[in-house]
Amino acid sequence: MVKVPTLRNIEETAPYFHNGQVWSLKEAIKMMGSIQLGIKIDDKDAISIETFLKSLTGKKPQVIYPVLPPSTKNTPKPETL
């Protein structure tokens, strides 16, 4: 099983697929129609789907990561279960 990522901000995540072989969202849509659904998605439908997916692009929340002190020889090691 594979965890499927969210479609939010999908237009900002090129290249597509696990190996990054496709750089165009429209081409990725057409390939997924063929591979996963066994159908041929024409250019008109691919553009409509692409337009919808681009509408899912929005403002991202600001993420502030904590600054941790460097590890030393005295840093406690995690306990194993």
C-alpha atoms as a PDB file:
ATOM      1  CA  MET A   1       0.000   0.000   0.000  1.00  0.00           C
ATOM      2  CA  VAL A   2       1.100   3.543  -0.730  1.00  0.00           C
ATOM      3  CA  LYS A   3       0.107   6.658   1.168  1.00  0.00           C
ATOM      4  CA  VAL A   4      -1.513   9.071  -1.265  1.00  0.00           C
ATOM      5  CA  PRO A   5      -0.441  12.692  -0.779  1.00  0.00           C
ATOM      6  CA  THR A   6      -2.931  15.528  -0.604  1.00  0.00           C
ATOM      7  CA  LEU A   7      -3.929  17.352  -3.781  1.00  0.00           C
ATOM      8  CA  ARG A   8      -3.703  20.745  -2.086  1.00  0.00           C
ATOM      9  CA  ASN A   9      -1.044  22.904  -3.801  1.00  0.00           C
ATOM     10  CA  ILE A  10      -0.459  20.119  -6.355  1.00  0.00           C
ATOM     11  CA  GLU A  11       0.516  22.633  -9.054  1.00  0.00           C
ATOM     12  CA  GLU A  12       3.538  23.579  -6.932  1.00  0.00           C
ATOM     13  CA  THR A  13       4.879  20.050  -6.519  1.00  0.00           C
ATOM     14  CA  ALA A  14       6.266  19.179  -9.961  1.00  0.00           C
ATOM     15  CA  PRO A  15       7.825  16.922 -11.039  1.00  0.00           C
ATOM     16  CA  TYR A  16       5.132  14.301 -10.598  1.00  0.00           C
ATOM     17  CA  PHE A  17       5.128  10.583  -9.741  1.00  0.00           C
ATOM     18  CA  HIS A  18       7.535   8.703  -7.502  1.00  0.00           C
ATOM     19  CA  ASN A  19      10.403   9.061  -9.961  1.00  0.00           C
ATOM     20  CA  GLY A  20       9.734  12.639 -11.108  1.00  0.00           C
ATOM     21  CA  GLN A  21       9.364  11.628 -14.745  1.00  0.00           C
ATOM     22  CA  VAL A  22       6.548  14.062 -15.625  1.00  0.00           C
ATOM     23  CA  TRP A  23       6.863  17.844 -15.281  1.00  0.00           C
ATOM     24  CA  SER A  24       3.461  18.822 -16.688  1.00  0.00           C
ATOM     25  CA  LEU A  25       0.346  18.529 -14.506  1.00  0.00           C
ATOM     26  CA  LYS A  26      -1.790  18.022 -17.624  1.00  0.00           C
ATOM     27  CA  GLU A  27       0.406  15.125 -18.780  1.00  0.00           C
ATOM     28  CA  ALA A  28       0.324  13.608 -15.291  1.00  0.00           C
ATOM     29  CA  ILE A  29      -3.491  13.738 -15.363  1.00  0.00           C
ATOM     30  CA  LYS A  30      -3.596  12.011 -18.746  1.00  0.00           C
ATOM     31  CA  MET A  31      -1.163   9.307 -17.603  1.00  0.00           C
ATOM     32  CA  MET A  32      -3.129   8.640 -14.404  1.00  0.00           C
ATOM     33  CA  GLY A  33      -6.338   8.286 -16.420  1.00  0.00           C
ATOM     34  CA  SER A  34      -4.685   5.660 -18.562  1.00  0.00           C
ATOM     35  CA  ILE A  35      -2.759   3.817 -15.831  1.00  0.00           C
ATOM     36  CA  GLN A  36      -5.243   3.890 -12.945  1.00  0.00           C
ATOM     37  CA  LEU A  37      -8.594   4.136 -14.671  1.00  0.00           C
ATOM     38  CA  GLY A  38      -7.882   2.477 -18.003  1.00  0.00           C
ATOM     39  CA  ILE A  39      -9.379   5.432 -19.906  1.00  0.00           C
ATOM     40  CA  LYS A  40      -8.003   7.970 -22.353  1.00  0.00           C
ATOM     41  CA  ILE A  41      -8.409  11.530 -21.096  1.00  0.00           C
ATOM     42  CA  ASP A  42      -8.445  13.980 -23.993  1.00  0.00           C
ATOM     43  CA  ASP A  43      -6.785  17.407 -23.862  1.00  0.00           C
ATOM     44  CA  LYS A  44     -10.062  19.249 -23.188  1.00  0.00           C
ATOM     45  CA  ASP A  45     -10.910  17.092 -20.147  1.00  0.00           C
ATOM     46  CA  ALA A  46      -7.307  17.165 -18.923  1.00  0.00           C
ATOM     47  CA  ILE A  47      -7.352  20.968 -19.026  1.00  0.00           C
ATOM     48  CA  SER A  48     -10.634  21.001 -17.052  1.00  0.00           C
ATOM     49  CA  ILE A  49      -9.200  18.680 -14.409  1.00  0.00           C
ATOM     50  CA  GLU A  50      -5.986  20.718 -14.309  1.00  0.00           C
ATOM     51  CA  THR A  51      -8.008  23.912 -13.783  1.00  0.00           C
ATOM     52  CA  PHE A  52      -9.841  22.277 -10.861  1.00  0.00           C
ATOM     53  CA  LEU A  53      -6.600  21.025  -9.294  1.00  0.00           C
ATOM     54  CA  LYS A  54      -5.045  24.477  -9.617  1.00  0.00           C
ATOM     55  CA  SER A  55      -8.034  25.891  -7.730  1.00  0.00           C
ATOM     56  CA  LEU A  56      -6.828  23.873  -4.713  1.00  0.00           C
ATOM     57  CA  THR A  57      -3.712  26.038  -4.497  1.00  0.00           C
ATOM     58  CA  GLY A  58      -3.779  28.330  -1.509  1.00  0.00           C
ATOM     59  CA  LYS A  59      -1.802  30.120   1.117  1.00  0.00           C
ATOM     60  CA  LYS A  60       0.409  27.831   3.142  1.00  0.00           C
ATOM     61  CA  PRO A  61       0.649  28.215   6.907  1.00  0.00           C
ATOM     62  CA  GLN A  62       3.942  29.463   8.286  1.00  0.00           C
ATOM     63  CA  VAL A  63       5.838  26.645   9.960  1.00  0.00           C
ATOM     64  CA  ILE A  64       8.439  27.599  12.549  1.00  0.00           C
ATOM     65  CA  TYR A  65      10.743  24.791  13.536  1.00  0.00           C
ATOM     66  CA  PRO A  66      12.398  24.852  16.968  1.00  0.00           C
ATOM     67  CA  VAL A  67      16.142  25.396  17.119  1.00  0.00           C
ATOM     68  CA  LEU A  68      17.534  22.518  19.115  1.00  0.00           C
ATOM     69  CA  PRO A  69      20.892  22.535  20.851  1.00  0.00           C
ATOM     70  CA  PRO A  70      23.619  20.420  19.263  1.00  0.00           C
ATOM     71  CA  SER A  71      24.004  16.850  20.500  1.00  0.00           C
ATOM     72  CA  THR A  72      27.024  16.069  22.636  1.00  0.00           C
ATOM     73  CA  LYS A  73      28.438  12.939  24.247  1.00  0.00           C
ATOM     74  CA  ASN A  74      26.290  13.811  27.304  1.00  0.00           C
ATOM     75  CA  THR A  75      23.033  14.020  25.363  1.00  0.00           C
ATOM     76  CA  PRO A  76      20.666  11.286  26.601  1.00  0.00           C
ATOM     77  CA  LYS A  77      19.956   8.591  24.025  1.00  0.00           C
ATOM     78  CA  PRO A  78      16.352   7.576  23.277  1.00  0.00           C
ATOM     79  CA  GLU A  79      15.120   4.520  25.111  1.00  0.00           C
ATOM     80  CA  THR A  80      14.389   1.421  23.065  1.00  0.00           C
ATOM     81  CA  LEU A  81      11.259  -0.571  23.713  1.00  0.00           C
END
